[in-house]
N, C-alpha and C. Protein backbone atom coordinates (compact mmCIF):
# COMPACT_ATOMS: atom_id res chain seq x y z
N UNK A 1 15.19 16.70 -34.92
CA UNK A 1 16.44 17.00 -35.59
C UNK A 1 17.25 15.76 -35.74
N UNK A 2 17.76 15.51 -36.89
CA UNK A 2 18.66 14.38 -37.14
C UNK A 2 20.04 14.93 -37.31
N UNK A 3 21.00 14.43 -36.52
CA UNK A 3 22.36 14.93 -36.68
C UNK A 3 23.21 13.87 -37.24
N UNK A 4 23.87 14.17 -38.33
CA UNK A 4 24.87 13.29 -38.95
C UNK A 4 26.16 14.04 -39.08
N UNK A 5 27.25 13.32 -39.07
CA UNK A 5 28.58 13.98 -39.13
C UNK A 5 29.20 13.68 -40.47
N UNK A 6 29.48 14.73 -41.18
CA UNK A 6 30.26 14.63 -42.42
C UNK A 6 31.70 14.98 -42.12
N UNK A 7 32.63 14.47 -42.91
CA UNK A 7 34.04 14.74 -42.62
C UNK A 7 34.34 16.22 -42.46
N UNK A 8 34.90 16.58 -41.27
CA UNK A 8 35.32 17.94 -41.05
C UNK A 8 34.25 18.89 -40.52
N UNK A 9 33.00 18.47 -40.42
CA UNK A 9 31.98 19.40 -39.98
C UNK A 9 30.80 18.64 -39.38
N UNK A 10 30.12 19.28 -38.40
CA UNK A 10 28.89 18.75 -37.90
C UNK A 10 27.79 19.21 -38.82
N UNK A 11 27.02 18.31 -39.32
CA UNK A 11 25.91 18.61 -40.24
C UNK A 11 24.60 18.21 -39.61
N UNK A 12 23.67 19.09 -39.56
CA UNK A 12 22.29 18.76 -39.09
C UNK A 12 21.46 18.58 -40.33
N UNK A 13 20.69 17.51 -40.37
CA UNK A 13 19.80 17.25 -41.52
C UNK A 13 18.39 17.25 -40.98
N UNK A 14 17.57 18.15 -41.54
CA UNK A 14 16.21 18.34 -40.99
C UNK A 14 15.16 18.27 -42.10
N UNK A 15 13.98 17.74 -41.78
CA UNK A 15 12.94 17.63 -42.76
C UNK A 15 12.40 18.99 -43.25
N UNK A 16 12.15 19.08 -44.55
CA UNK A 16 11.56 20.30 -45.09
C UNK A 16 10.09 20.37 -44.65
N UNK A 17 9.75 21.53 -44.05
CA UNK A 17 8.34 21.84 -43.76
C UNK A 17 8.13 23.28 -44.05
N UNK A 18 6.92 23.74 -43.78
CA UNK A 18 6.61 25.16 -44.14
C UNK A 18 7.55 26.13 -43.43
N UNK A 19 7.92 25.84 -42.16
CA UNK A 19 8.81 26.73 -41.45
C UNK A 19 10.24 26.76 -42.04
N UNK A 20 10.65 25.68 -42.66
CA UNK A 20 11.98 25.64 -43.25
C UNK A 20 12.01 25.96 -44.75
N UNK A 21 10.83 26.27 -45.29
CA UNK A 21 10.75 26.60 -46.70
C UNK A 21 11.67 27.74 -47.10
N UNK A 22 11.76 28.83 -46.29
CA UNK A 22 12.72 29.87 -46.65
C UNK A 22 14.15 29.41 -46.79
N UNK A 23 14.52 28.38 -46.05
CA UNK A 23 15.91 27.84 -46.12
C UNK A 23 16.10 27.14 -47.49
N UNK A 24 15.08 26.43 -47.98
CA UNK A 24 15.23 25.80 -49.29
C UNK A 24 15.26 26.90 -50.36
N UNK A 25 14.48 27.95 -50.21
CA UNK A 25 14.54 29.06 -51.17
C UNK A 25 15.96 29.63 -51.21
N UNK A 26 16.53 29.81 -50.02
CA UNK A 26 17.84 30.36 -49.92
C UNK A 26 18.88 29.46 -50.60
N UNK A 27 18.76 28.16 -50.39
CA UNK A 27 19.71 27.20 -50.96
C UNK A 27 19.56 27.18 -52.49
N UNK A 28 18.35 27.22 -52.97
CA UNK A 28 18.09 27.07 -54.40
C UNK A 28 18.27 28.39 -55.20
N UNK A 29 18.47 29.48 -54.52
CA UNK A 29 18.70 30.77 -55.20
C UNK A 29 20.07 30.77 -55.91
N UNK A 30 20.11 31.31 -57.07
CA UNK A 30 21.34 31.42 -57.82
C UNK A 30 21.32 30.65 -59.12
N UNK A 31 22.48 30.57 -59.70
CA UNK A 31 22.56 29.88 -61.02
C UNK A 31 22.50 28.39 -60.84
N UNK A 32 21.95 27.71 -61.85
CA UNK A 32 21.88 26.25 -61.80
C UNK A 32 20.48 25.70 -62.00
N UNK A 33 20.43 24.42 -62.26
CA UNK A 33 19.12 23.77 -62.51
C UNK A 33 18.17 23.85 -61.38
N UNK A 34 18.71 23.84 -60.15
CA UNK A 34 17.83 23.80 -58.96
C UNK A 34 16.94 25.02 -58.93
N UNK A 35 17.41 26.17 -59.41
CA UNK A 35 16.64 27.42 -59.39
C UNK A 35 15.53 27.40 -60.45
N UNK A 36 15.57 26.48 -61.35
CA UNK A 36 14.54 26.37 -62.43
C UNK A 36 13.62 25.17 -62.19
N UNK A 37 14.15 24.16 -61.66
CA UNK A 37 13.37 22.90 -61.54
C UNK A 37 12.56 22.84 -60.24
N UNK A 38 13.16 23.25 -59.14
CA UNK A 38 12.50 23.17 -57.81
C UNK A 38 12.07 21.73 -57.48
N UNK A 39 12.85 20.80 -57.95
CA UNK A 39 12.62 19.39 -57.67
C UNK A 39 11.20 18.93 -58.14
N UNK A 40 10.76 19.54 -59.23
CA UNK A 40 9.46 19.16 -59.75
C UNK A 40 9.53 18.19 -60.95
N UNK A 41 10.75 17.98 -61.45
CA UNK A 41 10.90 17.15 -62.67
C UNK A 41 10.33 15.75 -62.49
N UNK A 42 10.59 15.10 -61.38
CA UNK A 42 10.05 13.78 -61.13
C UNK A 42 8.56 13.81 -60.79
N UNK A 43 8.06 14.94 -60.30
CA UNK A 43 6.73 15.05 -59.80
C UNK A 43 5.67 15.37 -60.91
N UNK A 44 6.15 15.78 -62.07
CA UNK A 44 5.25 16.18 -63.15
C UNK A 44 5.52 15.32 -64.40
N UNK A 45 4.49 14.80 -65.03
CA UNK A 45 4.75 14.16 -66.30
C UNK A 45 5.40 15.14 -67.29
N UNK A 46 6.07 14.59 -68.30
CA UNK A 46 6.88 15.39 -69.19
C UNK A 46 6.20 16.60 -69.77
N UNK A 47 5.00 16.45 -70.33
CA UNK A 47 4.32 17.54 -70.94
C UNK A 47 3.91 18.61 -69.95
N UNK A 48 3.54 18.19 -68.77
CA UNK A 48 3.16 19.13 -67.69
C UNK A 48 4.38 19.91 -67.26
N UNK A 49 5.51 19.24 -67.11
CA UNK A 49 6.73 19.94 -66.66
C UNK A 49 7.11 20.96 -67.74
N UNK A 50 7.10 20.49 -68.99
CA UNK A 50 7.44 21.43 -70.08
C UNK A 50 6.57 22.63 -70.19
N UNK A 51 5.29 22.46 -69.83
CA UNK A 51 4.33 23.59 -69.93
C UNK A 51 4.34 24.45 -68.70
N UNK A 52 4.95 23.99 -67.61
CA UNK A 52 4.96 24.74 -66.35
C UNK A 52 5.96 25.86 -66.37
N UNK A 53 5.67 26.85 -65.55
CA UNK A 53 6.62 27.94 -65.40
C UNK A 53 7.45 27.65 -64.14
N UNK A 54 8.58 28.33 -63.99
CA UNK A 54 9.42 28.18 -62.79
C UNK A 54 8.56 28.46 -61.55
N UNK A 55 7.73 29.52 -61.60
CA UNK A 55 6.91 29.87 -60.45
C UNK A 55 5.95 28.78 -60.08
N UNK A 56 5.45 28.02 -61.08
CA UNK A 56 4.55 26.94 -60.83
C UNK A 56 5.27 25.79 -60.13
N UNK A 57 6.49 25.49 -60.57
CA UNK A 57 7.24 24.41 -59.93
C UNK A 57 7.61 24.76 -58.52
N UNK A 58 7.95 25.97 -58.30
CA UNK A 58 8.30 26.46 -56.95
C UNK A 58 7.08 26.34 -56.06
N UNK A 59 5.91 26.71 -56.52
CA UNK A 59 4.72 26.61 -55.71
C UNK A 59 4.30 25.19 -55.45
N UNK A 60 4.53 24.29 -56.44
CA UNK A 60 4.24 22.89 -56.27
C UNK A 60 5.05 22.33 -55.08
N UNK A 61 6.32 22.65 -54.99
CA UNK A 61 7.11 22.15 -53.90
C UNK A 61 6.79 22.85 -52.59
N UNK A 62 6.47 24.15 -52.66
CA UNK A 62 6.10 24.91 -51.43
C UNK A 62 4.80 24.28 -50.85
N UNK A 63 3.87 23.94 -51.72
CA UNK A 63 2.61 23.33 -51.24
C UNK A 63 2.85 21.95 -50.65
N UNK A 64 3.72 21.18 -51.31
CA UNK A 64 4.02 19.86 -50.79
C UNK A 64 4.73 19.92 -49.43
N UNK A 65 5.58 20.96 -49.22
CA UNK A 65 6.27 21.13 -47.97
C UNK A 65 5.37 21.37 -46.81
N UNK A 66 4.14 21.81 -47.08
CA UNK A 66 3.19 22.08 -45.99
C UNK A 66 2.53 20.79 -45.45
N UNK A 67 2.81 19.64 -46.04
CA UNK A 67 2.17 18.39 -45.64
C UNK A 67 3.19 17.35 -45.25
N UNK A 68 2.92 16.66 -44.19
CA UNK A 68 3.83 15.55 -43.78
C UNK A 68 3.41 14.29 -44.53
N UNK A 69 4.36 13.36 -44.68
CA UNK A 69 5.76 13.50 -44.31
C UNK A 69 6.52 14.43 -45.28
N UNK A 70 7.61 14.97 -44.76
CA UNK A 70 8.40 15.93 -45.54
C UNK A 70 8.81 15.27 -46.89
N UNK A 71 8.82 16.09 -47.98
CA UNK A 71 9.23 15.57 -49.30
C UNK A 71 10.73 15.55 -49.51
N UNK A 72 11.49 15.88 -48.48
CA UNK A 72 12.93 15.91 -48.60
C UNK A 72 13.51 16.51 -47.34
N UNK A 73 14.86 16.57 -47.35
CA UNK A 73 15.58 16.97 -46.19
C UNK A 73 16.63 18.04 -46.58
N UNK A 74 16.84 18.97 -45.67
CA UNK A 74 17.82 20.01 -45.87
C UNK A 74 18.98 19.79 -44.90
N UNK A 75 20.21 19.85 -45.41
CA UNK A 75 21.39 19.76 -44.59
C UNK A 75 21.85 21.17 -44.20
N UNK A 76 22.23 21.35 -42.94
CA UNK A 76 22.67 22.63 -42.46
C UNK A 76 24.10 22.50 -41.89
N UNK A 77 24.93 23.47 -42.20
CA UNK A 77 26.24 23.63 -41.51
C UNK A 77 26.01 24.85 -40.62
N UNK A 78 25.81 24.67 -39.34
CA UNK A 78 25.40 25.75 -38.50
C UNK A 78 23.96 26.14 -38.88
N UNK A 79 23.76 27.38 -39.19
CA UNK A 79 22.44 27.82 -39.61
C UNK A 79 22.32 27.95 -41.12
N UNK A 80 23.40 27.66 -41.82
CA UNK A 80 23.41 27.81 -43.27
C UNK A 80 22.90 26.55 -43.97
N UNK A 81 21.88 26.63 -44.81
CA UNK A 81 21.45 25.47 -45.64
C UNK A 81 22.51 25.22 -46.68
N UNK A 82 22.99 23.91 -46.72
CA UNK A 82 24.07 23.59 -47.67
C UNK A 82 23.78 22.44 -48.57
N UNK A 83 22.68 21.68 -48.33
CA UNK A 83 22.40 20.53 -49.14
C UNK A 83 20.95 20.12 -49.09
N UNK A 84 20.53 19.40 -50.09
CA UNK A 84 19.12 18.96 -50.23
C UNK A 84 19.09 17.54 -50.77
N UNK A 85 18.16 16.73 -50.30
CA UNK A 85 17.83 15.46 -50.91
C UNK A 85 16.33 15.34 -50.93
N UNK A 86 15.80 14.95 -52.08
CA UNK A 86 14.37 14.67 -52.25
C UNK A 86 14.16 13.21 -52.00
N UNK A 87 13.19 12.90 -51.11
CA UNK A 87 12.85 11.51 -50.80
C UNK A 87 11.38 11.50 -50.41
N UNK A 88 10.64 10.58 -51.02
CA UNK A 88 9.18 10.50 -50.81
C UNK A 88 8.71 9.16 -51.29
N UNK A 89 7.48 8.80 -50.91
CA UNK A 89 6.92 7.55 -51.45
C UNK A 89 7.01 7.54 -52.99
N UNK A 90 7.39 6.43 -53.55
CA UNK A 90 7.54 6.34 -55.01
C UNK A 90 6.35 6.78 -55.76
N UNK A 91 5.16 6.54 -55.19
CA UNK A 91 3.92 6.93 -55.92
C UNK A 91 3.83 8.40 -56.13
N UNK A 92 4.56 9.21 -55.45
CA UNK A 92 4.55 10.70 -55.67
C UNK A 92 5.30 11.10 -56.94
N UNK A 93 5.99 10.15 -57.55
CA UNK A 93 6.81 10.49 -58.71
C UNK A 93 6.30 9.79 -59.96
N UNK A 94 5.40 10.37 -60.66
CA UNK A 94 4.87 9.73 -61.87
C UNK A 94 5.90 9.39 -62.93
N UNK A 95 6.99 10.16 -62.99
CA UNK A 95 8.04 9.85 -63.98
C UNK A 95 8.76 8.52 -63.73
N UNK A 96 8.79 8.12 -62.45
CA UNK A 96 9.49 6.81 -62.17
C UNK A 96 8.78 5.71 -62.87
N UNK A 97 7.48 5.66 -62.75
CA UNK A 97 6.74 4.53 -63.33
C UNK A 97 6.78 4.56 -64.88
N UNK A 98 6.84 5.80 -65.45
CA UNK A 98 6.83 5.91 -66.91
C UNK A 98 8.20 5.92 -67.55
N UNK A 99 9.22 5.94 -66.75
CA UNK A 99 10.58 6.11 -67.26
C UNK A 99 11.04 4.94 -68.16
N UNK A 100 11.82 5.30 -69.14
CA UNK A 100 12.43 4.24 -70.01
C UNK A 100 13.79 3.83 -69.52
N UNK A 101 14.29 4.43 -68.43
CA UNK A 101 15.60 4.12 -67.91
C UNK A 101 15.61 3.55 -66.47
N UNK A 102 14.42 3.34 -65.94
CA UNK A 102 14.33 2.80 -64.60
C UNK A 102 13.75 1.43 -64.64
N UNK A 103 14.35 0.58 -63.83
CA UNK A 103 13.80 -0.75 -63.70
C UNK A 103 12.72 -0.70 -62.63
N UNK A 104 11.50 -0.66 -63.07
CA UNK A 104 10.34 -0.41 -62.19
C UNK A 104 9.67 -1.72 -61.85
N UNK A 105 9.48 -1.99 -60.57
CA UNK A 105 8.80 -3.24 -60.11
C UNK A 105 7.68 -2.83 -59.19
N UNK A 106 6.47 -2.90 -59.76
CA UNK A 106 5.26 -2.55 -59.03
C UNK A 106 5.01 -3.43 -57.82
N UNK A 107 5.62 -4.58 -57.81
CA UNK A 107 5.41 -5.58 -56.71
C UNK A 107 6.24 -5.28 -55.48
N UNK A 108 7.08 -4.31 -55.50
CA UNK A 108 7.90 -3.95 -54.33
C UNK A 108 7.05 -3.08 -53.39
N UNK A 109 6.71 -3.63 -52.23
CA UNK A 109 5.79 -2.90 -51.34
C UNK A 109 6.50 -1.76 -50.54
N UNK A 110 5.71 -0.78 -50.19
CA UNK A 110 6.26 0.28 -49.34
C UNK A 110 7.53 0.92 -49.81
N UNK A 111 7.57 1.20 -51.10
CA UNK A 111 8.82 1.70 -51.66
C UNK A 111 8.85 3.23 -51.71
N UNK A 112 9.88 3.81 -51.23
CA UNK A 112 10.17 5.24 -51.33
C UNK A 112 11.32 5.39 -52.31
N UNK A 113 11.43 6.63 -52.91
CA UNK A 113 12.49 6.91 -53.87
C UNK A 113 13.26 8.14 -53.42
N UNK A 114 14.61 8.01 -53.60
CA UNK A 114 15.50 9.18 -53.47
C UNK A 114 15.74 9.62 -54.93
N UNK A 115 15.32 10.80 -55.24
CA UNK A 115 15.32 11.19 -56.64
C UNK A 115 16.32 12.35 -56.96
N UNK A 116 16.67 13.15 -56.03
CA UNK A 116 17.40 14.36 -56.37
C UNK A 116 18.23 14.87 -55.22
N UNK A 117 19.42 15.41 -55.59
CA UNK A 117 20.31 16.07 -54.62
C UNK A 117 20.68 17.43 -55.20
N UNK A 118 20.97 18.31 -54.23
CA UNK A 118 21.66 19.53 -54.54
C UNK A 118 22.53 19.87 -53.39
N UNK A 119 23.85 20.12 -53.64
CA UNK A 119 24.80 20.53 -52.68
C UNK A 119 25.38 21.88 -53.09
N UNK A 120 25.38 22.83 -52.20
CA UNK A 120 25.96 24.14 -52.53
C UNK A 120 27.43 23.94 -52.96
N UNK A 121 27.84 24.67 -53.99
CA UNK A 121 29.18 24.46 -54.54
C UNK A 121 30.28 24.55 -53.49
N UNK A 122 30.12 25.36 -52.44
CA UNK A 122 31.17 25.49 -51.40
C UNK A 122 31.28 24.25 -50.56
N UNK A 123 30.29 23.37 -50.63
CA UNK A 123 30.27 22.25 -49.71
C UNK A 123 30.38 20.91 -50.45
N UNK A 124 30.77 20.94 -51.68
CA UNK A 124 30.90 19.71 -52.49
C UNK A 124 32.24 19.05 -52.23
N UNK A 125 32.23 17.71 -52.29
CA UNK A 125 33.48 16.98 -52.15
C UNK A 125 33.83 16.63 -50.73
N UNK A 126 32.96 16.90 -49.78
CA UNK A 126 33.28 16.63 -48.40
C UNK A 126 32.47 15.54 -47.75
N UNK A 127 31.81 14.70 -48.56
CA UNK A 127 31.05 13.59 -48.00
C UNK A 127 29.59 13.92 -47.67
N UNK A 128 29.11 15.07 -48.09
CA UNK A 128 27.77 15.45 -47.74
C UNK A 128 26.68 14.53 -48.44
N UNK A 129 26.99 14.04 -49.56
CA UNK A 129 26.02 13.16 -50.24
C UNK A 129 25.82 11.85 -49.40
N UNK A 130 26.89 11.33 -48.84
CA UNK A 130 26.77 10.18 -48.01
C UNK A 130 25.85 10.45 -46.80
N UNK A 131 26.08 11.64 -46.22
CA UNK A 131 25.24 12.07 -45.07
C UNK A 131 23.78 12.17 -45.47
N UNK A 132 23.55 12.82 -46.63
CA UNK A 132 22.16 12.98 -47.06
C UNK A 132 21.49 11.62 -47.38
N UNK A 133 22.21 10.70 -48.00
CA UNK A 133 21.61 9.37 -48.24
C UNK A 133 21.22 8.70 -46.98
N UNK A 134 22.14 8.73 -45.99
CA UNK A 134 21.83 8.05 -44.72
C UNK A 134 20.61 8.70 -44.03
N UNK A 135 20.55 10.00 -44.06
CA UNK A 135 19.41 10.70 -43.49
C UNK A 135 18.10 10.43 -44.24
N UNK A 136 18.18 10.32 -45.55
CA UNK A 136 16.98 10.03 -46.38
C UNK A 136 16.46 8.63 -46.08
N UNK A 137 17.35 7.67 -45.94
CA UNK A 137 16.92 6.31 -45.60
C UNK A 137 16.29 6.28 -44.21
N UNK A 138 16.90 6.97 -43.24
CA UNK A 138 16.33 7.03 -41.90
C UNK A 138 14.92 7.68 -41.92
N UNK A 139 14.82 8.75 -42.68
CA UNK A 139 13.52 9.48 -42.76
C UNK A 139 12.47 8.56 -43.41
N UNK A 140 12.80 7.85 -44.47
CA UNK A 140 11.83 7.00 -45.11
C UNK A 140 11.46 5.85 -44.12
N UNK A 141 12.41 5.27 -43.49
CA UNK A 141 12.13 4.17 -42.54
C UNK A 141 11.25 4.67 -41.35
N UNK A 142 11.46 5.85 -40.89
CA UNK A 142 10.67 6.40 -39.77
C UNK A 142 9.22 6.64 -40.22
N UNK A 143 8.97 6.70 -41.46
CA UNK A 143 7.63 6.91 -41.99
C UNK A 143 7.06 5.70 -42.69
N UNK A 144 7.58 4.54 -42.34
CA UNK A 144 6.96 3.29 -42.76
C UNK A 144 7.50 2.66 -44.06
N UNK A 145 8.52 3.21 -44.63
CA UNK A 145 9.05 2.61 -45.86
C UNK A 145 9.57 1.23 -45.56
N UNK A 146 9.35 0.33 -46.48
CA UNK A 146 9.91 -1.02 -46.43
C UNK A 146 11.11 -1.17 -47.32
N UNK A 147 11.17 -0.32 -48.38
CA UNK A 147 12.27 -0.29 -49.29
C UNK A 147 12.57 1.11 -49.74
N UNK A 148 13.79 1.42 -50.10
CA UNK A 148 14.15 2.71 -50.61
C UNK A 148 14.86 2.46 -51.94
N UNK A 149 14.51 3.12 -52.95
CA UNK A 149 15.09 3.05 -54.29
C UNK A 149 15.78 4.33 -54.69
N UNK A 150 16.73 4.22 -55.65
CA UNK A 150 17.31 5.41 -56.27
C UNK A 150 17.72 5.05 -57.69
N UNK A 151 17.96 6.07 -58.47
CA UNK A 151 18.21 5.92 -59.87
C UNK A 151 19.45 6.73 -60.26
N UNK A 152 20.61 6.26 -59.71
CA UNK A 152 21.85 7.05 -59.82
C UNK A 152 22.46 7.03 -61.23
N UNK A 153 23.54 7.83 -61.31
CA UNK A 153 24.34 7.85 -62.53
C UNK A 153 25.72 7.34 -62.19
N UNK A 154 26.39 6.82 -63.21
CA UNK A 154 27.81 6.46 -63.11
C UNK A 154 28.59 7.62 -63.70
N UNK A 155 29.24 8.40 -62.85
CA UNK A 155 29.84 9.65 -63.35
C UNK A 155 30.89 9.37 -64.43
N UNK A 156 30.84 10.17 -65.44
CA UNK A 156 31.89 10.17 -66.51
C UNK A 156 33.02 11.06 -66.06
N UNK A 157 34.18 10.97 -66.67
CA UNK A 157 35.23 11.89 -66.35
C UNK A 157 34.73 13.33 -66.60
N UNK A 158 35.08 14.20 -65.69
CA UNK A 158 34.68 15.64 -65.80
C UNK A 158 33.18 15.78 -65.86
N UNK A 159 32.45 14.98 -65.12
CA UNK A 159 31.00 15.04 -65.07
C UNK A 159 30.60 16.39 -64.46
N UNK A 160 29.65 17.04 -65.06
CA UNK A 160 29.11 18.31 -64.47
C UNK A 160 28.32 18.04 -63.23
N UNK A 161 28.32 18.99 -62.33
CA UNK A 161 27.54 18.82 -61.09
C UNK A 161 26.07 18.63 -61.39
N UNK A 162 25.55 19.38 -62.36
CA UNK A 162 24.13 19.26 -62.68
C UNK A 162 23.77 17.88 -63.19
N UNK A 163 24.72 17.20 -63.84
CA UNK A 163 24.49 15.86 -64.33
C UNK A 163 24.44 14.78 -63.23
N UNK A 164 24.80 15.22 -62.02
CA UNK A 164 24.82 14.29 -60.87
C UNK A 164 23.60 14.45 -59.94
N UNK A 165 22.57 15.12 -60.45
CA UNK A 165 21.44 15.39 -59.56
C UNK A 165 20.77 14.16 -59.00
N UNK A 166 20.91 13.01 -59.70
CA UNK A 166 20.36 11.75 -59.15
C UNK A 166 21.27 11.11 -58.15
N UNK A 167 22.49 11.59 -58.05
CA UNK A 167 23.45 11.00 -57.14
C UNK A 167 24.33 9.97 -57.90
N UNK A 168 25.62 9.93 -57.55
CA UNK A 168 26.49 8.91 -58.13
C UNK A 168 26.24 7.54 -57.56
N UNK A 169 26.40 6.53 -58.39
CA UNK A 169 26.14 5.15 -57.99
C UNK A 169 26.96 4.78 -56.72
N UNK A 170 28.19 5.16 -56.67
CA UNK A 170 29.05 4.76 -55.55
C UNK A 170 28.51 5.17 -54.17
N UNK A 171 27.89 6.31 -54.10
CA UNK A 171 27.28 6.78 -52.84
C UNK A 171 26.27 5.79 -52.33
N UNK A 172 25.46 5.30 -53.23
CA UNK A 172 24.39 4.31 -52.84
C UNK A 172 24.99 3.00 -52.50
N UNK A 173 25.92 2.54 -53.26
CA UNK A 173 26.57 1.24 -52.92
C UNK A 173 27.23 1.31 -51.58
N UNK A 174 27.88 2.39 -51.23
CA UNK A 174 28.48 2.52 -49.92
C UNK A 174 27.45 2.45 -48.79
N UNK A 175 26.22 2.92 -49.11
CA UNK A 175 25.16 2.94 -48.12
C UNK A 175 24.44 1.61 -48.02
N UNK A 176 24.84 0.61 -48.79
CA UNK A 176 24.24 -0.72 -48.68
C UNK A 176 23.17 -1.03 -49.72
N UNK A 177 22.93 -0.12 -50.64
CA UNK A 177 21.99 -0.38 -51.73
C UNK A 177 22.61 -1.45 -52.68
N UNK A 178 21.77 -2.18 -53.33
CA UNK A 178 22.23 -3.09 -54.34
C UNK A 178 21.55 -2.80 -55.66
N UNK A 179 22.25 -3.07 -56.72
CA UNK A 179 21.72 -2.82 -58.05
C UNK A 179 20.65 -3.93 -58.35
N UNK A 180 19.46 -3.48 -58.77
CA UNK A 180 18.40 -4.44 -59.04
C UNK A 180 18.02 -4.50 -60.53
N UNK A 181 18.68 -3.67 -61.33
CA UNK A 181 18.41 -3.76 -62.79
C UNK A 181 19.03 -2.52 -63.50
N UNK A 182 19.06 -2.68 -64.79
CA UNK A 182 19.57 -1.58 -65.68
C UNK A 182 18.68 -1.51 -66.90
N UNK A 183 18.45 -0.29 -67.34
CA UNK A 183 17.82 -0.06 -68.62
C UNK A 183 18.60 1.02 -69.32
N UNK A 184 18.92 0.79 -70.54
CA UNK A 184 19.72 1.73 -71.33
C UNK A 184 21.03 2.15 -70.58
N UNK A 185 21.58 1.17 -69.89
CA UNK A 185 22.81 1.41 -69.17
C UNK A 185 22.70 2.12 -67.83
N UNK A 186 21.45 2.49 -67.44
CA UNK A 186 21.27 3.22 -66.21
C UNK A 186 20.81 2.30 -65.09
N UNK A 187 21.53 2.33 -63.95
CA UNK A 187 21.19 1.46 -62.84
C UNK A 187 19.98 1.92 -62.01
N UNK A 188 19.27 0.98 -61.49
CA UNK A 188 18.30 1.20 -60.40
C UNK A 188 18.85 0.46 -59.21
N UNK A 189 18.89 1.09 -58.06
CA UNK A 189 19.37 0.48 -56.82
C UNK A 189 18.28 0.48 -55.77
N UNK A 190 18.39 -0.48 -54.83
CA UNK A 190 17.34 -0.60 -53.83
C UNK A 190 17.93 -1.08 -52.51
N UNK A 191 17.38 -0.59 -51.44
CA UNK A 191 17.75 -1.03 -50.11
C UNK A 191 16.53 -1.50 -49.36
N UNK A 192 16.55 -2.72 -48.84
CA UNK A 192 15.39 -3.21 -48.07
C UNK A 192 15.58 -2.79 -46.63
N UNK A 193 14.49 -2.28 -46.04
CA UNK A 193 14.48 -1.91 -44.65
C UNK A 193 13.76 -2.99 -43.80
N UNK A 194 13.37 -4.08 -44.40
CA UNK A 194 12.72 -5.15 -43.71
C UNK A 194 13.75 -5.96 -42.90
N UNK A 195 13.46 -6.23 -41.72
CA UNK A 195 14.36 -7.07 -40.88
C UNK A 195 14.40 -8.49 -41.31
N UNK A 196 15.50 -9.15 -40.95
CA UNK A 196 15.63 -10.62 -41.23
C UNK A 196 15.96 -10.91 -42.64
């Protein structure tokens, strides 16, 4: 169990595994992109994602949750699942390498990617994204990552929550990530976990 403290509440952040799968189902139930995507967008090439059904995407993530290392982390307030971050070795995300908006460097060794967030509407605005980023970096480092990347957005005024699924740039900059490139105005950020 990894415990992080967000403003105003004790938050436990735990890796997704088969036993915690019902908690992710509970979190993703309801209206919104999370209930349709199941964090499969980065994991499937465009045509495959478009041809897949919601049930296929859900099963893809359920199957991945049965294998270590965990493909993401769930944040809990007490026993209630309130947030999610997807983090895995970059090689698990074929869309990263093929993207037209990511500055991709194949020479970066041991690179993991933080690709997606979801925070329950009742828990937004309280610093939970910062907690999730810190936990994701720790999780990646504990499993041998040398670098962690992300592909955030710079929020526009009145940005919709669904448009922030990659995470806002400021959250990553506060966590020590640095911008390593831009394509079509979209930043790629990276944090080195190598000492010295």
